Protein backbone atom coordinates (compact mmCIF):
# COMPACT_ATOMS: atom_id res chain seq x y z
CA MET A 1 13.33 27.26 15.72
CA SER A 2 15.50 27.16 12.60
CA ASP A 3 19.26 26.80 12.97
CA TRP A 4 19.64 29.26 10.09
CA ASN A 5 19.00 32.98 10.22
CA PHE A 6 17.41 33.90 6.91
CA ASP A 7 16.68 37.36 8.32
CA GLU A 8 20.39 38.17 8.46
CA GLU A 9 21.05 41.34 6.49
CA ILE A 10 23.98 40.69 4.14
CA ASN A 11 25.27 43.66 2.16
CA ARG A 12 25.63 42.49 -1.44
CA ARG A 13 26.51 45.85 -2.94
CA ASN A 14 29.94 46.24 -4.49
CA THR A 15 30.24 42.49 -5.05
CA ALA A 16 29.47 42.71 -8.82
CA SER A 17 26.00 41.41 -7.93
CA LEU A 18 23.75 41.52 -10.99
CA LYS A 19 20.75 41.92 -8.73
CA TRP A 20 22.08 44.72 -6.53
CA ASP A 21 24.83 46.49 -8.45
CA PHE A 22 23.20 46.58 -11.87
CA ALA A 23 19.52 47.22 -11.08
CA ASP A 24 19.69 50.99 -11.62
CA GLU A 25 21.40 50.51 -14.98
CA ARG A 26 19.02 47.77 -16.12
CA PHE A 27 15.85 49.60 -15.12
CA GLY A 28 16.86 53.19 -15.76
CA GLY A 29 16.23 54.38 -12.23
CA SER A 30 18.24 55.39 -9.19
CA GLU A 31 18.59 53.84 -5.73
CA LEU A 32 16.18 51.07 -6.63
CA LEU A 33 15.36 48.22 -4.26
CA PRO A 34 16.15 45.13 -6.40
CA MET A 35 13.48 42.44 -6.29
CA TRP A 36 13.87 41.16 -9.82
CA VAL A 37 16.49 38.67 -11.05
CA ALA A 38 16.16 35.14 -9.65
CA ASP A 39 18.77 34.81 -6.97
CA THR A 40 18.28 35.22 -3.24
CA ASP A 41 19.90 37.30 -0.52
CA PHE A 42 20.56 34.34 1.77
CA ALA A 43 23.94 32.96 2.73
CA SER A 44 24.45 29.54 1.16
CA PRO A 45 24.72 26.56 3.53
CA GLN A 46 27.92 26.58 5.55
CA GLU A 47 28.83 23.18 4.13
CA ILE A 48 29.10 24.72 0.67
CA THR A 49 31.27 27.58 1.91
CA ASP A 50 33.49 25.14 3.80
CA ALA A 51 33.91 22.95 0.70
CA LEU A 52 34.85 25.95 -1.45
CA VAL A 53 37.31 27.30 1.11
CA LYS A 54 38.92 23.90 1.58
CA ARG A 55 39.41 23.46 -2.15
CA ALA A 56 40.66 27.05 -2.57
CA GLN A 57 43.31 26.41 0.06
CA HIS A 58 44.93 23.84 -2.20
CA PRO A 59 47.32 25.98 -4.25
CA VAL A 60 46.92 24.17 -7.58
CA TYR A 61 43.82 24.87 -9.67
CA GLY A 62 44.39 22.58 -12.63
CA TYR A 63 41.98 20.64 -14.82
CA THR A 64 39.41 18.54 -12.97
CA GLY A 65 36.62 16.09 -13.69
CA ALA A 66 33.56 14.67 -11.99
CA THR A 67 34.53 12.08 -9.39
CA LYS A 68 32.46 9.12 -8.22
CA GLU A 69 31.49 11.19 -5.18
CA VAL A 70 30.02 13.90 -7.42
CA TYR A 71 27.94 11.41 -9.39
CA ASP A 72 26.85 9.64 -6.20
CA SER A 73 25.69 12.90 -4.65
CA VAL A 74 23.43 13.59 -7.64
CA ILE A 75 22.13 10.00 -7.78
CA HIS A 76 21.30 9.92 -4.08
CA TRP A 77 19.63 13.35 -4.20
CA LEU A 78 17.33 12.31 -7.04
CA LYS A 79 16.46 9.08 -5.26
CA ASP A 80 15.92 10.59 -1.80
CA VAL A 81 14.03 13.72 -2.87
CA TYR A 82 12.05 12.46 -5.87
CA GLY A 83 12.16 8.66 -5.67
CA TRP A 84 13.82 8.74 -9.09
CA ASN A 85 16.39 6.07 -9.85
CA VAL A 86 19.01 7.36 -12.26
CA SER A 87 22.29 5.75 -13.30
CA LYS A 88 25.67 7.44 -13.64
CA GLN A 89 25.51 6.85 -17.40
CA ALA A 90 22.39 9.05 -17.60
CA ILE A 91 24.13 12.09 -16.07
CA SER A 92 26.09 14.83 -17.77
CA PHE A 93 26.94 18.42 -16.85
CA SER A 94 26.53 21.93 -18.22
CA PRO A 95 27.54 25.38 -16.96
CA GLY A 96 23.88 26.34 -16.68
CA VAL A 97 20.38 25.11 -17.37
CA VAL A 98 19.91 27.64 -20.18
CA SER A 99 23.23 26.54 -21.69
CA GLY A 100 22.12 22.95 -21.35
CA PHE A 101 18.80 23.23 -23.11
CA THR A 102 20.28 25.50 -25.76
CA MET A 103 22.96 22.94 -26.60
CA SER A 104 20.27 20.25 -26.57
CA ILE A 105 18.25 22.21 -29.12
CA LEU A 106 21.34 22.42 -31.32
CA ALA A 107 22.00 18.70 -30.90
CA LEU A 108 18.48 17.36 -31.34
CA SER A 109 16.91 19.62 -33.96
CA GLU A 110 17.71 21.41 -37.21
CA PRO A 111 17.22 25.04 -38.28
CA GLY A 112 13.57 25.56 -39.12
CA ASP A 113 12.30 22.82 -36.79
CA LYS A 114 9.33 23.72 -34.63
CA ILE A 115 9.84 24.12 -30.88
CA LEU A 116 6.83 24.62 -28.63
CA ILE A 117 6.71 26.58 -25.39
CA HIS A 118 3.88 27.51 -23.06
CA THR A 119 3.37 31.22 -22.49
CA PRO A 120 3.92 33.25 -20.41
CA VAL A 121 7.27 31.66 -19.56
CA TYR A 122 10.88 32.30 -18.58
CA THR A 123 12.33 34.78 -21.08
CA PRO A 124 15.33 32.71 -22.34
CA PHE A 125 12.88 30.15 -23.74
CA PHE A 126 12.02 32.64 -26.48
CA ASP A 127 15.59 33.72 -27.06
CA THR A 128 17.13 30.26 -27.37
CA VAL A 129 14.58 29.22 -30.01
CA LYS A 130 14.76 32.36 -32.12
CA ASN A 131 18.52 32.89 -31.82
CA ASN A 132 19.17 29.39 -33.13
CA ASN A 133 16.89 29.71 -36.15
CA ARG A 134 14.19 27.35 -34.96
CA GLU A 135 10.50 28.09 -35.45
CA LEU A 136 8.78 29.20 -32.26
CA VAL A 137 5.35 27.70 -31.56
CA THR A 138 3.42 28.95 -28.54
CA SER A 139 0.65 27.30 -26.57
CA PRO A 140 -0.88 29.87 -24.19
CA LEU A 141 -1.66 28.86 -20.65
CA THR A 142 -5.19 29.66 -19.54
CA TYR A 143 -5.68 31.97 -16.59
CA THR A 144 -8.87 31.43 -14.65
CA ASN A 145 -9.77 31.86 -10.98
CA GLY A 146 -6.26 32.98 -10.15
CA LYS A 147 -4.59 29.90 -11.63
CA LEU A 148 -2.58 29.14 -14.74
CA LYS A 149 -3.47 25.89 -16.48
CA ILE A 150 -2.41 24.00 -19.58
CA ASN A 151 -4.79 24.10 -22.52
CA PHE A 152 -4.43 20.49 -23.60
CA GLU A 153 -6.68 20.85 -26.62
CA ASP A 154 -4.46 23.62 -27.98
CA LEU A 155 -1.31 21.74 -26.99
CA GLU A 156 -2.29 18.59 -28.86
CA ALA A 157 -3.37 20.49 -31.96
CA LYS A 158 0.06 22.09 -32.16
CA LEU A 159 2.13 19.04 -31.23
CA LYS A 160 0.62 17.00 -34.05
CA ASP A 161 1.46 19.73 -36.54
CA GLY A 162 5.12 18.81 -36.80
CA VAL A 163 6.60 20.06 -33.52
CA LYS A 164 10.05 18.54 -32.91
CA ILE A 165 10.70 19.66 -29.32
CA LEU A 166 8.57 20.71 -26.34
CA LEU A 167 10.51 23.03 -24.05
CA LEU A 168 8.84 22.57 -20.67
CA CYS A 169 9.18 24.76 -17.58
CA SER A 170 8.48 22.60 -14.51
CA PRO A 171 7.91 24.05 -11.94
CA HIS A 172 6.70 26.99 -13.95
CA ASN A 173 8.50 30.32 -13.97
CA PRO A 174 7.04 32.95 -13.55
CA GLY A 175 3.78 31.39 -12.37
CA GLY A 176 5.17 29.35 -9.47
CA ILE A 177 3.09 26.34 -10.52
CA VAL A 178 4.05 22.80 -9.63
CA TRP A 179 2.45 20.76 -12.39
CA SER A 180 0.50 17.77 -11.12
CA ALA A 181 1.55 14.23 -11.94
CA SER A 182 -1.58 13.85 -14.08
CA ASP A 183 -0.79 17.02 -16.06
CA LEU A 184 2.76 15.86 -16.65
CA GLN A 185 1.60 12.37 -17.57
CA GLN A 186 -0.75 13.83 -20.15
CA ILE A 187 2.01 16.01 -21.59
CA GLY A 188 4.33 13.02 -21.76
CA GLU A 189 1.79 10.78 -23.44
CA LEU A 190 1.06 13.42 -26.07
CA CYS A 191 4.77 13.74 -26.80
CA VAL A 192 5.07 9.96 -27.14
CA LYS A 193 2.06 9.92 -29.45
CA TYR A 194 3.41 12.63 -31.74
CA ASP A 195 7.12 11.75 -31.47
CA VAL A 196 8.14 14.96 -29.72
CA ILE A 197 11.29 15.34 -27.63
CA ILE A 198 10.82 16.93 -24.18
CA LEU A 199 13.43 19.31 -22.80
CA SER A 200 12.36 19.85 -19.21
CA ASP A 201 13.77 22.80 -17.26
CA GLU A 202 13.35 21.70 -13.62
CA ILE A 203 15.72 24.18 -12.01
CA HIS A 204 13.12 25.24 -9.39
CA ALA A 205 12.12 21.67 -8.49
CA ASP A 206 13.95 21.55 -5.15
CA LEU A 207 12.14 24.68 -3.95
CA CYS A 208 8.64 23.23 -3.66
CA LEU A 209 6.82 24.98 -0.84
CA PRO A 210 5.12 22.97 1.91
CA GLY A 211 2.24 20.90 0.55
CA ALA A 212 3.51 20.79 -3.04
CA LYS A 213 5.28 17.83 -4.66
CA HIS A 214 7.41 17.92 -7.79
CA TYR A 215 7.45 15.00 -10.21
CA PRO A 216 10.30 14.85 -12.73
CA ILE A 217 8.44 14.20 -15.97
CA ALA A 218 11.04 11.60 -16.98
CA SER A 219 10.19 9.57 -13.86
CA LEU A 220 6.60 8.97 -15.00
CA GLY A 221 7.20 6.12 -17.43
CA LYS A 222 9.80 4.43 -19.61
CA GLU A 223 8.40 5.70 -22.90
CA ILE A 224 8.35 9.27 -21.60
CA ALA A 225 11.88 8.89 -20.21
CA LYS A 226 13.17 7.73 -23.62
CA ARG A 227 12.37 11.11 -25.15
CA THR A 228 13.06 13.40 -22.20
CA VAL A 229 16.12 15.44 -21.29
CA THR A 230 15.92 16.95 -17.78
CA PHE A 231 17.88 19.96 -16.56
CA MET A 232 18.45 20.55 -12.84
CA ALA A 233 20.93 22.56 -10.78
CA PRO A 234 21.82 23.54 -7.22
CA SER A 235 21.98 27.18 -8.33
CA LYS A 236 18.49 28.44 -7.40
CA THR A 237 18.13 26.00 -4.53
CA PHE A 238 21.29 26.90 -2.65
CA ASN A 239 21.94 30.41 -4.06
CA VAL A 240 25.08 29.45 -5.98
CA ALA A 241 24.18 30.68 -9.48
CA GLY A 242 27.52 32.45 -9.81
CA ILE A 243 29.36 29.12 -9.62
CA GLN A 244 27.71 27.99 -12.88
CA ALA A 245 26.97 24.31 -12.36
CA SER A 246 24.03 22.33 -13.68
CA ILE A 247 23.10 18.75 -14.43
CA ILE A 248 21.71 17.09 -17.54
CA ILE A 249 19.81 13.84 -17.02
CA CYS A 250 18.74 11.63 -19.91
CA GLU A 251 18.09 7.90 -19.89
CA ASN A 252 18.26 7.71 -23.68
CA GLU A 253 21.93 7.04 -24.48
CA GLU A 254 21.57 8.22 -28.07
CA LEU A 255 20.09 11.59 -27.11
CA LEU A 256 22.63 12.19 -24.35
CA ALA A 257 25.53 11.24 -26.63
CA ALA A 258 24.31 13.75 -29.21
CA ILE A 259 24.12 16.48 -26.57
CA ASP A 260 27.59 15.71 -25.23
CA ALA A 261 28.98 15.70 -28.77
CA THR A 262 27.50 19.13 -29.40
CA GLN A 263 28.95 20.45 -26.15
CA HIS A 264 32.40 19.21 -27.17
CA ARG A 265 32.00 20.65 -30.65
CA LEU A 266 31.38 24.02 -29.00
CA ALA A 267 34.53 23.50 -26.89
CA PHE A 268 32.77 22.87 -23.59
CA HIS A 269 34.79 20.19 -21.83
CA GLY A 270 33.47 20.19 -18.28
CA LEU A 271 32.68 22.28 -15.23
CA ASN A 272 35.18 24.28 -13.24
CA LEU A 273 36.67 22.67 -10.15
CA PHE A 274 34.58 24.78 -7.74
CA ALA A 275 31.35 23.72 -9.48
CA PHE A 276 32.01 20.07 -8.70
CA GLU A 277 32.69 20.93 -5.06
CA VAL A 278 29.39 22.81 -4.85
CA ILE A 279 27.37 20.00 -6.40
CA LYS A 280 28.84 17.46 -4.01
CA ALA A 281 28.43 19.59 -0.89
CA ALA A 282 24.93 20.80 -1.76
CA TYR A 283 23.47 17.41 -2.55
CA THR A 284 25.27 15.63 0.29
CA SER A 285 24.65 18.07 3.14
CA GLY A 286 22.18 20.75 2.06
CA LYS A 287 18.78 19.17 2.75
CA PRO A 288 18.25 20.41 6.36
CA TRP A 289 19.05 23.99 5.27
CA LEU A 290 16.66 23.66 2.32
CA ASP A 291 13.85 22.31 4.51
CA ALA A 292 14.12 25.40 6.72
CA LEU A 293 14.33 27.73 3.73
CA VAL A 294 11.08 26.60 2.10
CA VAL A 295 9.20 27.18 5.35
CA TYR A 296 10.59 30.73 5.44
CA LEU A 297 9.64 31.30 1.80
CA GLN A 298 6.12 30.03 2.45
CA GLN A 299 5.76 32.63 5.21
CA HIS A 300 6.87 35.31 2.76
CA ALA A 301 4.41 34.13 0.13
CA GLU A 302 1.59 34.35 2.67
CA THR A 303 2.75 37.84 3.69
CA VAL A 304 2.52 39.02 0.07
CA GLN A 305 -0.95 37.57 -0.39
CA ALA A 306 -2.23 39.08 2.85
CA PHE A 307 -0.71 42.48 2.07
CA PHE A 308 -2.43 42.88 -1.28
CA ALA A 309 -5.70 41.39 -0.04
CA GLU A 310 -5.80 44.11 2.62
CA LYS A 311 -4.16 47.11 0.95
CA MET A 312 -4.90 46.68 -2.77
CA PRO A 313 -7.52 43.96 -3.30
CA ASP A 314 -7.77 44.72 -7.02
CA ILE A 315 -4.26 43.30 -7.40
CA LYS A 316 -4.38 39.51 -7.44
CA VAL A 317 -1.51 37.32 -6.29
CA LEU A 318 -1.07 33.82 -7.66
CA ALA A 319 -0.25 31.70 -4.63
CA PRO A 320 3.14 30.17 -5.50
CA GLN A 321 3.68 26.44 -5.05
CA ALA A 322 7.42 26.59 -5.64
CA SER A 323 10.41 28.91 -5.53
CA TYR A 324 10.67 32.53 -4.42
CA LEU A 325 9.09 34.19 -7.45
CA VAL A 326 5.56 35.55 -7.14
CA TRP A 327 3.38 36.29 -10.19
CA ILE A 328 1.13 39.29 -9.52
CA ASP A 329 -1.82 40.39 -11.65
CA CYS A 330 -2.05 44.19 -11.83
CA ARG A 331 -4.39 44.41 -14.83
CA ALA A 332 -7.32 45.76 -12.81
CA LEU A 333 -5.37 48.99 -12.30
CA GLY A 334 -5.88 49.84 -15.96
CA LEU A 335 -2.23 50.76 -16.50
CA SER A 336 -0.21 49.89 -19.57
CA ASP A 337 2.97 47.86 -19.04
CA GLU A 338 5.01 50.99 -19.61
CA GLU A 339 2.96 52.99 -17.11
CA LEU A 340 3.20 50.17 -14.58
CA GLN A 341 6.99 50.02 -14.80
CA THR A 342 7.40 53.79 -14.80
CA ARG A 343 5.43 54.14 -11.58
CA LEU A 344 7.29 51.30 -9.89
CA ILE A 345 10.70 52.66 -10.90
CA LYS A 346 10.17 56.40 -10.57
CA LYS A 347 7.67 56.56 -7.74
CA GLY A 348 8.22 53.34 -5.84
CA LYS A 349 11.99 53.12 -6.35
CA ILE A 350 11.73 49.37 -6.83
CA ALA A 351 12.91 47.02 -9.57
CA VAL A 352 10.64 44.06 -10.35
CA SER A 353 10.48 41.97 -13.50
CA PRO A 354 7.83 43.20 -15.98
CA GLY A 355 5.32 40.55 -16.94
CA LYS A 356 5.41 41.57 -20.58
CA SER A 357 8.93 40.17 -20.88
CA TYR A 358 7.54 36.66 -20.32
CA GLY A 359 5.62 36.76 -23.57
CA PRO A 360 1.92 36.65 -24.48
CA GLY A 361 -0.24 36.42 -21.37
CA GLY A 362 2.25 38.32 -19.23
CA GLU A 363 0.90 41.78 -20.02
CA GLY A 364 -0.23 43.63 -16.91
CA PHE A 365 1.63 41.31 -14.53
CA ILE A 366 4.82 41.71 -12.51
CA ARG A 367 7.16 39.08 -11.07
CA LEU A 368 8.32 39.78 -7.53
CA ASN A 369 11.37 38.08 -6.00
CA ILE A 370 10.65 37.30 -2.34
CA GLY A 371 13.97 35.53 -1.77
CA CYS A 372 15.08 38.20 0.67
CA THR A 373 14.88 39.09 4.35
CA THR A 374 11.54 39.89 5.92
CA LYS A 375 12.72 43.48 6.35
CA THR A 376 13.46 43.81 2.63
CA LEU A 377 10.17 42.17 1.70
CA ASN A 378 8.15 44.58 3.83
CA ASP A 379 10.10 47.51 2.40
CA GLY A 380 9.39 46.28 -1.12
CA LEU A 381 5.68 45.85 -0.50
CA GLN A 382 5.41 49.37 0.85
CA ARG A 383 7.23 50.69 -2.21
CA ILE A 384 4.84 48.88 -4.53
CA TYR A 385 1.91 50.28 -2.57
CA ALA A 386 3.30 53.80 -2.80
CA ALA A 387 3.81 53.39 -6.55
CA LEU A 388 0.47 51.83 -7.46
CA LYS A 389 -2.09 53.10 -4.95
CA ALA A 390 -4.80 55.36 -6.29
CA ASP A 391 -3.70 59.01 -6.41
């Protein structure tokens, strides 16, 4: 039996929670059950709370920096979890993964440069490219037999046509895919061949479900590592997104120096003092809690698959390999994206992320956040059923 009660009902309303307090405003409904934005409803590990309380009890909150203990916690986590040996000199920090890869785009490319993304994909990938005057190049993932796969023929054709940066989502959001070592190796070798920099968003890496294994793409060879910048964070893993702490890892000193210089030019000079406490506590003491969490999430993923297989077999669920986000194919219902959302919001009283927002290939899908209690999950599934069942 787990030492942690992930079924504990914690009231998050009136805490300025984006997920709970802003769902009605964001979706244009009322009294919606929020199963959208990517944070969970679980209490963070007690060790993190204890570290924050202890630091808060010191009455001076002046400027701080990353101590040896902070660096060591990251280094040991990467070694123990991924078998990846990283030096202190290869580590930097950013307030968030999106902030990190955005500043990396500014540092490592020029306006008009081509940046490639796979679609569908996490919405900020589109925004960060377009908002910084880079040219967006898309390589659609193929969807066959309930699985998303990389179209390597299309990828190579586009990489060799002057792409400067590949912005990779690994594990993939919203698809929940953990890319295989062979897939990542092939991506890396193509980027070496065509002199493309890899910016790898690996924020969901720690949340691999039982049976899946994440490989940091930079760990797959020296030549790949030379052109890769990896972004990780404890935020999704330990439900501490509001603390705003993430890690940049790059074994190419020149690339990392350029990124750090850009961060300083934009007046970012380091994380807040609570962020460093969270990183240290999470990576030093959080593994037992995480091991129990992924088992719980796997049970939820199986519940979702079984529910739709029984109640609405026309709706297909992509079995997630990582994280608490489930990609659901509703195209067989014959509803437009607008009709799908209207029925979910108005009839089902539930807020889920519309697939269309993840770009080409997301039409007719929804992304469901199952990082909640079993009670909330079952409530959400019934609401979806009420909204989408045949009249």
